[in-house]
């Protein structure tokens, strides 16, 4: 089910409908791979993003993270499993802007 998706989504619900706490769990989890830029603003990793889906906090994991940092990828899936959070597939195709970026030659 998750194998053909480009992303895995950790859904912030335990059981059928109880919101996972604390309410900022997704931002905290994504903060483990974030950096402060020269502009002093926090930037999330392109491989890990907090999102709101249908009013539920979620974390979207880009499957490329498995190749780039297996330890971080394993930690995230273990976190979901240990906290009994639901996993669901994310996108199965690249977004049009991502495809255009890949086709544009670098200067």
PDB file of N, CA and C in Angstrom:
ATOM      1  N   UNK A   1       0.815  -1.190   0.000  1.00  0.00           N
ATOM      2  CA  UNK A   1       0.000   0.000   0.000  1.00  0.00           C
ATOM      3  C   UNK A   1       0.862   1.258   0.000  1.00  0.00           C
ATOM      4  N   UNK A   2       1.891   1.303   0.829  1.00  0.00           N
ATOM      5  CA  UNK A   2       2.750   2.474   0.892  1.00  0.00           C
ATOM      6  C   UNK A   2       3.893   2.415  -0.110  1.00  0.00           C
ATOM      7  N   UNK A   3       4.158   1.241  -0.656  1.00  0.00           N
ATOM      8  CA  UNK A   3       5.330   1.042  -1.497  1.00  0.00           C
ATOM      9  C   UNK A   3       5.333   1.847  -2.779  1.00  0.00           C
ATOM     10  N   UNK A   4       4.174   2.102  -3.372  1.00  0.00           N
ATOM     11  CA  UNK A   4       4.151   2.811  -4.647  1.00  0.00           C
ATOM     12  C   UNK A   4       3.960   4.315  -4.498  1.00  0.00           C
ATOM     13  N   UNK A   5       3.901   4.818  -3.280  1.00  0.00           N
ATOM     14  CA  UNK A   5       3.728   6.252  -3.035  1.00  0.00           C
ATOM     15  C   UNK A   5       5.078   6.949  -2.939  1.00  0.00           C
ATOM     16  N   UNK A   6       5.125   8.208  -3.364  1.00  0.00           N
ATOM     17  CA  UNK A   6       6.332   9.014  -3.230  1.00  0.00           C
ATOM     18  C   UNK A   6       6.479   9.564  -1.816  1.00  0.00           C
ATOM     19  N   UNK A   7       5.365   9.568  -1.096  1.00  0.00           N
ATOM     20  CA  UNK A   7       5.347  10.107   0.257  1.00  0.00           C
ATOM     21  C   UNK A   7       4.597   9.157   1.194  1.00  0.00           C
ATOM     22  N   UNK A   8       4.953   9.261   2.467  1.00  0.00           N
ATOM     23  CA  UNK A   8       4.211   8.582   3.521  1.00  0.00           C
ATOM     24  C   UNK A   8       3.701   9.672   4.450  1.00  0.00           C
ATOM     25  N   UNK A   9       2.454   9.567   4.860  1.00  0.00           N
ATOM     26  CA  UNK A   9       1.861  10.552   5.748  1.00  0.00           C
ATOM     27  C   UNK A   9       1.611   9.910   7.108  1.00  0.00           C
ATOM     28  N   UNK A  10       2.171  10.533   8.141  1.00  0.00           N
ATOM     29  CA  UNK A  10       1.865  10.135   9.516  1.00  0.00           C
ATOM     30  C   UNK A  10       0.677  10.983   9.934  1.00  0.00           C
ATOM     31  N   UNK A  11      -0.435  10.334  10.199  1.00  0.00           N
ATOM     32  CA  UNK A  11      -1.677  11.027  10.553  1.00  0.00           C
ATOM     33  C   UNK A  11      -1.745  11.140  12.068  1.00  0.00           C
ATOM     34  N   UNK A  12      -1.991  12.342  12.554  1.00  0.00           N
ATOM     35  CA  UNK A  12      -1.988  12.613  13.990  1.00  0.00           C
ATOM     36  C   UNK A  12      -3.224  12.177  14.727  1.00  0.00           C
ATOM     37  N   UNK A  13      -3.642  10.951  14.484  1.00  0.00           N
ATOM     38  CA  UNK A  13      -4.776  10.374  15.204  1.00  0.00           C
ATOM     39  C   UNK A  13      -4.351   9.048  15.808  1.00  0.00           C
ATOM     40  N   UNK A  14      -4.702   8.863  17.064  1.00  0.00           N
ATOM     41  CA  UNK A  14      -4.490   7.562  17.685  1.00  0.00           C
ATOM     42  C   UNK A  14      -5.844   6.886  17.746  1.00  0.00           C
ATOM     43  N   UNK A  15      -5.854   5.631  17.419  1.00  0.00           N
ATOM     44  CA  UNK A  15      -7.134   4.954  17.340  1.00  0.00           C
ATOM     45  C   UNK A  15      -7.942   5.537  16.194  1.00  0.00           C
ATOM     46  N   UNK A  16      -9.247   5.440  16.271  1.00  0.00           N
ATOM     47  CA  UNK A  16     -10.052   5.917  15.157  1.00  0.00           C
ATOM     48  C   UNK A  16     -10.120   7.439  15.045  1.00  0.00           C
ATOM     49  N   UNK A  17     -10.100   8.169  16.168  1.00  0.00           N
ATOM     50  CA  UNK A  17     -10.326   9.608  16.032  1.00  0.00           C
ATOM     51  C   UNK A  17      -9.760  10.494  17.140  1.00  0.00           C
ATOM     52  N   UNK A  18      -8.900   9.976  17.995  1.00  0.00           N
ATOM     53  CA  UNK A  18      -8.355  10.810  19.073  1.00  0.00           C
ATOM     54  C   UNK A  18      -7.121  11.556  18.581  1.00  0.00           C
ATOM     55  N   UNK A  19      -7.127  12.909  18.653  1.00  0.00           N
ATOM     56  CA  UNK A  19      -5.956  13.673  18.216  1.00  0.00           C
ATOM     57  C   UNK A  19      -4.746  13.368  19.091  1.00  0.00           C
ATOM     58  N   UNK A  20      -3.605  13.220  18.435  1.00  0.00           N
ATOM     59  CA  UNK A  20      -2.356  12.971  19.147  1.00  0.00           C
ATOM     60  C   UNK A  20      -1.934  14.254  19.843  1.00  0.00           C
ATOM     61  N   UNK A  21      -1.400  14.135  21.023  1.00  0.00           N
ATOM     62  CA  UNK A  21      -0.954  15.283  21.811  1.00  0.00           C
ATOM     63  C   UNK A  21       0.535  15.181  22.073  1.00  0.00           C
ATOM     64  N   UNK A  22       1.263  16.277  22.221  1.00  0.00           N
ATOM     65  CA  UNK A  22       0.769  17.644  22.262  1.00  0.00           C
ATOM     66  C   UNK A  22       0.356  18.130  20.883  1.00  0.00           C
ATOM     67  N   UNK A  23      -0.390  19.224  20.849  1.00  0.00           N
ATOM     68  CA  UNK A  23      -0.953  19.686  19.581  1.00  0.00           C
ATOM     69  C   UNK A  23       0.108  20.125  18.574  1.00  0.00           C
ATOM     70  N   UNK A  24       1.311  20.432  19.029  1.00  0.00           N
ATOM     71  CA  UNK A  24       2.371  20.847  18.097  1.00  0.00           C
ATOM     72  C   UNK A  24       3.344  19.702  17.785  1.00  0.00           C
ATOM     73  N   UNK A  25       2.890  18.476  17.935  1.00  0.00           N
ATOM     74  CA  UNK A  25       3.771  17.325  17.742  1.00  0.00           C
ATOM     75  C   UNK A  25       4.391  17.303  16.345  1.00  0.00           C
ATOM     76  N   UNK A  26       3.630  17.676  15.327  1.00  0.00           N
ATOM     77  CA  UNK A  26       4.125  17.608  13.947  1.00  0.00           C
ATOM     78  C   UNK A  26       5.275  18.599  13.741  1.00  0.00           C
ATOM     79  N   UNK A  27       5.119  19.813  14.260  1.00  0.00           N
ATOM     80  CA  UNK A  27       6.170  20.814  14.134  1.00  0.00           C
ATOM     81  C   UNK A  27       7.415  20.389  14.908  1.00  0.00           C
ATOM     82  N   UNK A  28       7.216  19.816  16.080  1.00  0.00           N
ATOM     83  CA  UNK A  28       8.357  19.338  16.882  1.00  0.00           C
ATOM     84  C   UNK A  28       9.100  18.224  16.153  1.00  0.00           C
ATOM     85  N   UNK A  29       8.356  17.290  15.592  1.00  0.00           N
ATOM     86  CA  UNK A  29       8.973  16.170  14.886  1.00  0.00           C
ATOM     87  C   UNK A  29       9.747  16.670  13.661  1.00  0.00           C
ATOM     88  N   UNK A  30       9.151  17.563  12.909  1.00  0.00           N
ATOM     89  CA  UNK A  30       9.827  18.107  11.723  1.00  0.00           C
ATOM     90  C   UNK A  30      11.000  18.999  12.111  1.00  0.00           C
ATOM     91  N   UNK A  31      10.958  19.551  13.297  1.00  0.00           N
ATOM     92  CA  UNK A  31      12.045  20.392  13.776  1.00  0.00           C
ATOM     93  C   UNK A  31      13.358  19.648  13.918  1.00  0.00           C
ATOM     94  N   UNK A  32      13.294  18.325  14.026  1.00  0.00           N
ATOM     95  CA  UNK A  32      14.532  17.549  14.168  1.00  0.00           C
ATOM     96  C   UNK A  32      15.407  17.631  12.925  1.00  0.00           C
ATOM     97  N   UNK A  33      14.814  17.984  11.779  1.00  0.00           N
ATOM     98  CA  UNK A  33      15.582  18.082  10.542  1.00  0.00           C
ATOM     99  C   UNK A  33      15.536  19.486   9.951  1.00  0.00           C
ATOM    100  N   UNK A  34      15.157  20.473  10.752  1.00  0.00           N
ATOM    101  CA  UNK A  34      15.079  21.840  10.251  1.00  0.00           C
ATOM    102  C   UNK A  34      16.376  22.584  10.538  1.00  0.00           C
ATOM    103  N   UNK A  35      16.559  23.682   9.837  1.00  0.00           N
ATOM    104  CA  UNK A  35      17.751  24.514  10.023  1.00  0.00           C
ATOM    105  C   UNK A  35      17.336  25.982  10.019  1.00  0.00           C
ATOM    106  N   UNK A  36      18.147  26.805  10.661  1.00  0.00           N
ATOM    107  CA  UNK A  36      17.958  28.243  10.596  1.00  0.00           C
ATOM    108  C   UNK A  36      18.838  28.765   9.477  1.00  0.00           C
ATOM    109  N   UNK A  37      18.239  29.519   8.569  1.00  0.00           N
ATOM    110  CA  UNK A  37      18.977  30.082   7.451  1.00  0.00           C
ATOM    111  C   UNK A  37      19.673  31.367   7.850  1.00  0.00           C
ATOM    112  N   UNK A  38      20.371  31.949   6.905  1.00  0.00           N
ATOM    113  CA  UNK A  38      21.056  33.217   7.155  1.00  0.00           C
ATOM    114  C   UNK A  38      20.069  34.328   7.493  1.00  0.00           C
ATOM    115  N   UNK A  39      18.827  34.174   7.041  1.00  0.00           N
ATOM    116  CA  UNK A  39      17.791  35.168   7.333  1.00  0.00           C
ATOM    117  C   UNK A  39      17.175  34.960   8.716  1.00  0.00           C
ATOM    118  N   UNK A  40      17.712  34.000   9.468  1.00  0.00           N
ATOM    119  CA  UNK A  40      17.259  33.664  10.826  1.00  0.00           C
ATOM    120  C   UNK A  40      15.842  33.094  10.868  1.00  0.00           C
ATOM    121  N   UNK A  41      15.384  32.574   9.753  1.00  0.00           N
ATOM    122  CA  UNK A  41      14.087  31.917   9.704  1.00  0.00           C
ATOM    123  C   UNK A  41      14.290  30.402   9.672  1.00  0.00           C
ATOM    124  N   UNK A  42      13.394  29.720  10.337  1.00  0.00           N
ATOM    125  CA  UNK A  42      13.435  28.271  10.371  1.00  0.00           C
ATOM    126  C   UNK A  42      12.965  27.704   9.041  1.00  0.00           C
ATOM    127  N   UNK A  43      13.720  26.782   8.504  1.00  0.00           N
ATOM    128  CA  UNK A  43      13.342  26.122   7.254  1.00  0.00           C
ATOM    129  C   UNK A  43      13.242  24.628   7.495  1.00  0.00           C
ATOM    130  N   UNK A  44      12.087  24.072   7.158  1.00  0.00           N
ATOM    131  CA  UNK A  44      11.925  22.631   7.279  1.00  0.00           C
ATOM    132  C   UNK A  44      12.676  21.934   6.155  1.00  0.00           C
ATOM    133  N   UNK A  45      13.066  20.729   6.405  1.00  0.00           N
ATOM    134  CA  UNK A  45      13.712  19.907   5.396  1.00  0.00           C
ATOM    135  C   UNK A  45      12.746  19.672   4.239  1.00  0.00           C
ATOM    136  N   UNK A  46      13.257  19.593   3.018  1.00  0.00           N
ATOM    137  CA  UNK A  46      12.362  19.275   1.903  1.00  0.00           C
ATOM    138  C   UNK A  46      11.836  17.842   1.976  1.00  0.00           C
ATOM    139  N   UNK A  47      12.364  17.039   2.885  1.00  0.00           N
ATOM    140  CA  UNK A  47      11.962  15.638   3.000  1.00  0.00           C
ATOM    141  C   UNK A  47      10.974  15.382   4.135  1.00  0.00           C
ATOM    142  N   UNK A  48      10.663  16.415   4.913  1.00  0.00           N
ATOM    143  CA  UNK A  48       9.822  16.240   6.090  1.00  0.00           C
ATOM    144  C   UNK A  48       9.051  17.529   6.348  1.00  0.00           C
ATOM    145  N   UNK A  49       7.724  17.478   6.247  1.00  0.00           N
ATOM    146  CA  UNK A  49       6.908  18.689   6.373  1.00  0.00           C
ATOM    147  C   UNK A  49       5.708  18.451   7.277  1.00  0.00           C
ATOM    148  N   UNK A  50       5.419  19.408   8.173  1.00  0.00           N
ATOM    149  CA  UNK A  50       4.161  19.332   8.921  1.00  0.00           C
ATOM    150  C   UNK A  50       3.044  19.902   8.044  1.00  0.00           C
ATOM    151  N   UNK A  51       1.895  19.263   8.044  1.00  0.00           N
ATOM    152  CA  UNK A  51       0.744  19.737   7.267  1.00  0.00           C
ATOM    153  C   UNK A  51      -0.531  19.532   8.076  1.00  0.00           C
ATOM    154  N   UNK A  52      -1.573  20.208   7.641  1.00  0.00           N
ATOM    155  CA  UNK A  52      -2.904  20.009   8.197  1.00  0.00           C
ATOM    156  C   UNK A  52      -3.736  19.376   7.098  1.00  0.00           C
ATOM    157  N   UNK A  53      -4.318  18.220   7.347  1.00  0.00           N
ATOM    158  CA  UNK A  53      -5.139  17.521   6.360  1.00  0.00           C
ATOM    159  C   UNK A  53      -6.503  17.243   6.975  1.00  0.00           C
ATOM    160  N   UNK A  54      -7.522  17.853   6.415  1.00  0.00           N
ATOM    161  CA  UNK A  54      -8.893  17.700   6.935  1.00  0.00           C
ATOM    162  C   UNK A  54      -8.962  18.039   8.422  1.00  0.00           C
ATOM    163  N   UNK A  55      -8.204  19.062   8.836  1.00  0.00           N
ATOM    164  CA  UNK A  55      -8.200  19.505  10.220  1.00  0.00           C
ATOM    165  C   UNK A  55      -7.355  18.665  11.160  1.00  0.00           C
ATOM    166  N   UNK A  56      -6.630  17.698  10.627  1.00  0.00           N
ATOM    167  CA  UNK A  56      -5.788  16.814  11.452  1.00  0.00           C
ATOM    168  C   UNK A  56      -4.324  17.107  11.154  1.00  0.00           C
ATOM    169  N   UNK A  57      -3.528  17.263  12.198  1.00  0.00           N
ATOM    170  CA  UNK A  57      -2.098  17.483  12.016  1.00  0.00           C
ATOM    171  C   UNK A  57      -1.450  16.199  11.517  1.00  0.00           C
ATOM    172  N   UNK A  58      -0.574  16.375  10.523  1.00  0.00           N
ATOM    173  CA  UNK A  58       0.105  15.242   9.911  1.00  0.00           C
ATOM    174  C   UNK A  58       1.556  15.631   9.627  1.00  0.00           C
ATOM    175  N   UNK A  59       2.363  14.631   9.367  1.00  0.00           N
ATOM    176  CA  UNK A  59       3.731  14.836   8.898  1.00  0.00           C
ATOM    177  C   UNK A  59       3.872  14.067   7.589  1.00  0.00           C
ATOM    178  N   UNK A  60       4.364  14.767   6.569  1.00  0.00           N
ATOM    179  CA  UNK A  60       4.576  14.145   5.264  1.00  0.00           C
ATOM    180  C   UNK A  60       6.067  13.845   5.127  1.00  0.00           C
ATOM    181  N   UNK A  61       6.366  12.577   4.873  1.00  0.00           N
ATOM    182  CA  UNK A  61       7.749  12.129   4.703  1.00  0.00           C
ATOM    183  C   UNK A  61       7.972  11.814   3.234  1.00  0.00           C
ATOM    184  N   UNK A  62       8.945  12.464   2.637  1.00  0.00           N
ATOM    185  CA  UNK A  62       9.327  12.146   1.260  1.00  0.00           C
ATOM    186  C   UNK A  62      10.101  10.836   1.305  1.00  0.00           C
ATOM    187  N   UNK A  63       9.703   9.876   0.485  1.00  0.00           N
ATOM    188  CA  UNK A  63      10.338   8.560   0.504  1.00  0.00           C
ATOM    189  C   UNK A  63      11.821   8.604   0.145  1.00  0.00           C
ATOM    190  N   UNK A  64      12.289   9.684  -0.488  1.00  0.00           N
ATOM    191  CA  UNK A  64      13.711   9.821  -0.796  1.00  0.00           C
ATOM    192  C   UNK A  64      14.556   9.860   0.473  1.00  0.00           C
ATOM    193  N   UNK A  65      13.941  10.249   1.590  1.00  0.00           N
ATOM    194  CA  UNK A  65      14.664  10.305   2.860  1.00  0.00           C
ATOM    195  C   UNK A  65      15.244   8.947   3.223  1.00  0.00           C
ATOM    196  N   UNK A  66      14.565   7.883   2.827  1.00  0.00           N
ATOM    197  CA  UNK A  66      15.053   6.528   3.112  1.00  0.00           C
ATOM    198  C   UNK A  66      16.445   6.312   2.515  1.00  0.00           C
ATOM    199  N   UNK A  67      16.694   6.861   1.336  1.00  0.00           N
ATOM    200  CA  UNK A  67      17.999   6.720   0.682  1.00  0.00           C
ATOM    201  C   UNK A  67      19.024   7.709   1.235  1.00  0.00           C
ATOM    202  N   UNK A  68      18.550   8.878   1.642  1.00  0.00           N
ATOM    203  CA  UNK A  68      19.445   9.941   2.090  1.00  0.00           C
ATOM    204  C   UNK A  68      19.875   9.758   3.542  1.00  0.00           C
ATOM    205  N   UNK A  69      18.919   9.412   4.408  1.00  0.00           N
ATOM    206  CA  UNK A  69      19.213   9.265   5.843  1.00  0.00           C
ATOM    207  C   UNK A  69      18.324   8.154   6.407  1.00  0.00           C
ATOM    208  N   UNK A  70      18.797   6.930   6.285  1.00  0.00           N
ATOM    209  CA  UNK A  70      18.021   5.765   6.713  1.00  0.00           C
ATOM    210  C   UNK A  70      17.685   5.824   8.198  1.00  0.00           C
ATOM    211  N   UNK A  71      18.600   6.326   9.014  1.00  0.00           N
ATOM    212  CA  UNK A  71      18.353   6.401  10.457  1.00  0.00           C
ATOM    213  C   UNK A  71      17.172   7.331  10.756  1.00  0.00           C
ATOM    214  N   UNK A  72      17.122   8.496  10.108  1.00  0.00           N
ATOM    215  CA  UNK A  72      16.017   9.435  10.321  1.00  0.00           C
ATOM    216  C   UNK A  72      14.706   8.835   9.830  1.00  0.00           C
ATOM    217  N   UNK A  73      14.735   8.204   8.660  1.00  0.00           N
ATOM    218  CA  UNK A  73      13.555   7.568   8.094  1.00  0.00           C
ATOM    219  C   UNK A  73      13.030   6.479   9.036  1.00  0.00           C
ATOM    220  N   UNK A  74      13.908   5.643   9.527  1.00  0.00           N
ATOM    221  CA  UNK A  74      13.521   4.564  10.451  1.00  0.00           C
ATOM    222  C   UNK A  74      12.967   5.136  11.748  1.00  0.00           C
ATOM    223  N   UNK A  75      13.602   6.205  12.246  1.00  0.00           N
ATOM    224  CA  UNK A  75      13.125   6.847  13.471  1.00  0.00           C
ATOM    225  C   UNK A  75      11.684   7.330  13.306  1.00  0.00           C
ATOM    226  N   UNK A  76      11.385   7.967  12.168  1.00  0.00           N
ATOM    227  CA  UNK A  76      10.051   8.509  11.940  1.00  0.00           C
ATOM    228  C   UNK A  76       8.996   7.409  11.899  1.00  0.00           C
ATOM    229  N   UNK A  77       9.301   6.321  11.218  1.00  0.00           N
ATOM    230  CA  UNK A  77       8.342   5.210  11.159  1.00  0.00           C
ATOM    231  C   UNK A  77       8.196   4.544  12.527  1.00  0.00           C
ATOM    232  N   UNK A  78       9.282   4.443  13.266  1.00  0.00           N
ATOM    233  CA  UNK A  78       9.209   3.891  14.621  1.00  0.00           C
ATOM    234  C   UNK A  78       8.391   4.795  15.535  1.00  0.00           C
ATOM    235  N   UNK A  79       8.574   6.100  15.392  1.00  0.00           N
ATOM    236  CA  UNK A  79       7.798   7.064  16.176  1.00  0.00           C
ATOM    237  C   UNK A  79       6.301   6.845  15.938  1.00  0.00           C
ATOM    238  N   UNK A  80       5.922   6.715  14.678  1.00  0.00           N
ATOM    239  CA  UNK A  80       4.510   6.489  14.345  1.00  0.00           C
ATOM    240  C   UNK A  80       4.012   5.182  14.952  1.00  0.00           C
ATOM    241  N   UNK A  81       4.805   4.130  14.795  1.00  0.00           N
ATOM    242  CA  UNK A  81       4.405   2.818  15.316  1.00  0.00           C
ATOM    243  C   UNK A  81       4.316   2.840  16.847  1.00  0.00           C
ATOM    244  N   UNK A  82       5.326   3.399  17.505  1.00  0.00           N
ATOM    245  CA  UNK A  82       5.361   3.421  18.972  1.00  0.00           C
ATOM    246  C   UNK A  82       4.215   4.227  19.573  1.00  0.00           C
ATOM    247  N   UNK A  83       3.770   5.252  18.853  1.00  0.00           N
ATOM    248  CA  UNK A  83       2.688   6.104  19.347  1.00  0.00           C
ATOM    249  C   UNK A  83       1.330   5.745  18.745  1.00  0.00           C
ATOM    250  N   UNK A  84       1.285   4.611  18.048  1.00  0.00           N
ATOM    251  CA  UNK A  84       0.056   4.085  17.462  1.00  0.00           C
ATOM    252  C   UNK A  84      -0.636   5.094  16.546  1.00  0.00           C
ATOM    253  N   UNK A  85       0.201   5.801  15.746  1.00  0.00           N
ATOM    254  CA  UNK A  85      -0.318   6.756  14.776  1.00  0.00           C
ATOM    255  C   UNK A  85      -0.555   6.050  13.453  1.00  0.00           C
ATOM    256  N   UNK A  86      -1.531   6.507  12.727  1.00  0.00           N
ATOM    257  CA  UNK A  86      -1.863   5.899  11.443  1.00  0.00           C
ATOM    258  C   UNK A  86      -0.912   6.374  10.355  1.00  0.00           C
ATOM    259  N   UNK A  87      -0.591   5.492   9.438  1.00  0.00           N
ATOM    260  CA  UNK A  87       0.191   5.835   8.254  1.00  0.00           C
ATOM    261  C   UNK A  87      -0.712   5.670   7.045  1.00  0.00           C
ATOM    262  N   UNK A  88      -0.541   6.560   6.077  1.00  0.00           N
ATOM    263  CA  UNK A  88      -1.264   6.431   4.812  1.00  0.00           C
ATOM    264  C   UNK A  88      -0.342   6.875   3.689  1.00  0.00           C
ATOM    265  N   UNK A  89      -0.609   6.432   2.493  1.00  0.00           N
ATOM    266  CA  UNK A  89       0.222   6.873   1.371  1.00  0.00           C
ATOM    267  C   UNK A  89      -0.040   8.342   1.059  1.00  0.00           C
ATOM    268  N   UNK A  90       0.997   9.006   0.608  1.00  0.00           N
ATOM    269  CA  UNK A  90       0.864  10.382   0.132  1.00  0.00           C
ATOM    270  C   UNK A  90       0.741  10.364  -1.380  1.00  0.00           C
ATOM    271  N   UNK A  91       1.353  11.358  -2.027  1.00  0.00           N
ATOM    272  CA  UNK A  91       1.247  11.441  -3.491  1.00  0.00           C
ATOM    273  C   UNK A  91       1.917  10.258  -4.157  1.00  0.00           C
ATOM    274  N   UNK A  92       1.405   9.956  -5.314  1.00  0.00           N
ATOM    275  CA  UNK A  92       1.972   8.860  -6.101  1.00  0.00           C
ATOM    276  C   UNK A  92       2.680   9.386  -7.337  1.00  0.00           C
ATOM    277  N   UNK A  93       2.501  10.678  -7.631  1.00  0.00           N
ATOM    278  CA  UNK A  93       3.161  11.295  -8.782  1.00  0.00           C
ATOM    279  C   UNK A  93       3.797  12.606  -8.339  1.00  0.00           C
ATOM    280  N   UNK A  94       4.816  13.023  -9.090  1.00  0.00           N
ATOM    281  CA  UNK A  94       5.447  14.305  -8.811  1.00  0.00           C
ATOM    282  C   UNK A  94       4.491  15.435  -9.167  1.00  0.00           C
ATOM    283  N   UNK A  95       4.653  16.543  -8.469  1.00  0.00           N
ATOM    284  CA  UNK A  95       3.888  17.737  -8.806  1.00  0.00           C
ATOM    285  C   UNK A  95       4.447  18.324 -10.099  1.00  0.00           C
ATOM    286  N   UNK A  96       3.620  19.021 -10.884  1.00  0.00           N
ATOM    287  CA  UNK A  96       4.096  19.596 -12.152  1.00  0.00           C
ATOM    288  C   UNK A  96       5.311  20.504 -11.990  1.00  0.00           C
ATOM    289  N   UNK A  97       5.365  21.298 -10.909  1.00  0.00           N
ATOM    290  CA  UNK A  97       6.513  22.194 -10.728  1.00  0.00           C
ATOM    291  C   UNK A  97       7.797  21.410 -10.446  1.00  0.00           C
ATOM    292  N   UNK A  98       7.688  20.232  -9.817  1.00  0.00           N
ATOM    293  CA  UNK A  98       8.858  19.398  -9.567  1.00  0.00           C
ATOM    294  C   UNK A  98       9.372  18.780 -10.872  1.00  0.00           C
ATOM    295  N   UNK A  99       8.463  18.374 -11.730  1.00  0.00           N
ATOM    296  CA  UNK A  99       8.867  17.809 -13.019  1.00  0.00           C
ATOM    297  C   UNK A  99       9.533  18.889 -13.854  1.00  0.00           C
ATOM    298  N   UNK A 100       8.978  20.117 -13.857  1.00  0.00           N
ATOM    299  CA  UNK A 100       9.555  21.216 -14.617  1.00  0.00           C
ATOM    300  C   UNK A 100      10.951  21.554 -14.113  1.00  0.00           C
ATOM    301  N   UNK A 101      11.167  21.497 -12.799  1.00  0.00           N
ATOM    302  CA  UNK A 101      12.477  21.781 -12.225  1.00  0.00           C
ATOM    303  C   UNK A 101      13.501  20.760 -12.694  1.00  0.00           C
ATOM    304  N   UNK A 102      13.100  19.496 -12.762  1.00  0.00           N
ATOM    305  CA  UNK A 102      14.020  18.439 -13.207  1.00  0.00           C
ATOM    306  C   UNK A 102      14.384  18.599 -14.682  1.00  0.00           C
ATOM    307  N   UNK A 103      13.462  19.134 -15.481  1.00  0.00           N
ATOM    308  CA  UNK A 103      13.700  19.263 -16.915  1.00  0.00           C
ATOM    309  C   UNK A 103      14.484  20.527 -17.274  1.00  0.00           C
ATOM    310  N   UNK A 104      14.529  21.500 -16.364  1.00  0.00           N
ATOM    311  CA  UNK A 104      15.239  22.745 -16.615  1.00  0.00           C
ATOM    312  C   UNK A 104      16.733  22.528 -16.424  1.00  0.00           C
ATOM    313  N   UNK A 105      17.558  22.849 -17.438  1.00  0.00           N
ATOM    314  CA  UNK A 105      19.005  22.653 -17.298  1.00  0.00           C
ATOM    315  C   UNK A 105      19.584  23.625 -16.279  1.00  0.00           C
ATOM    316  N   UNK A 106      20.556  23.170 -15.539  1.00  0.00           N
ATOM    317  CA  UNK A 106      21.242  24.011 -14.568  1.00  0.00           C
ATOM    318  C   UNK A 106      22.214  24.935 -15.286  1.00  0.00           C
ATOM    319  N   UNK A 107      22.378  26.188 -14.766  1.00  0.00           N
ATOM    320  CA  UNK A 107      23.313  27.137 -15.402  1.00  0.00           C
ATOM    321  C   UNK A 107      24.751  26.729 -15.211  1.00  0.00           C
TER     322      UNK A 107
END
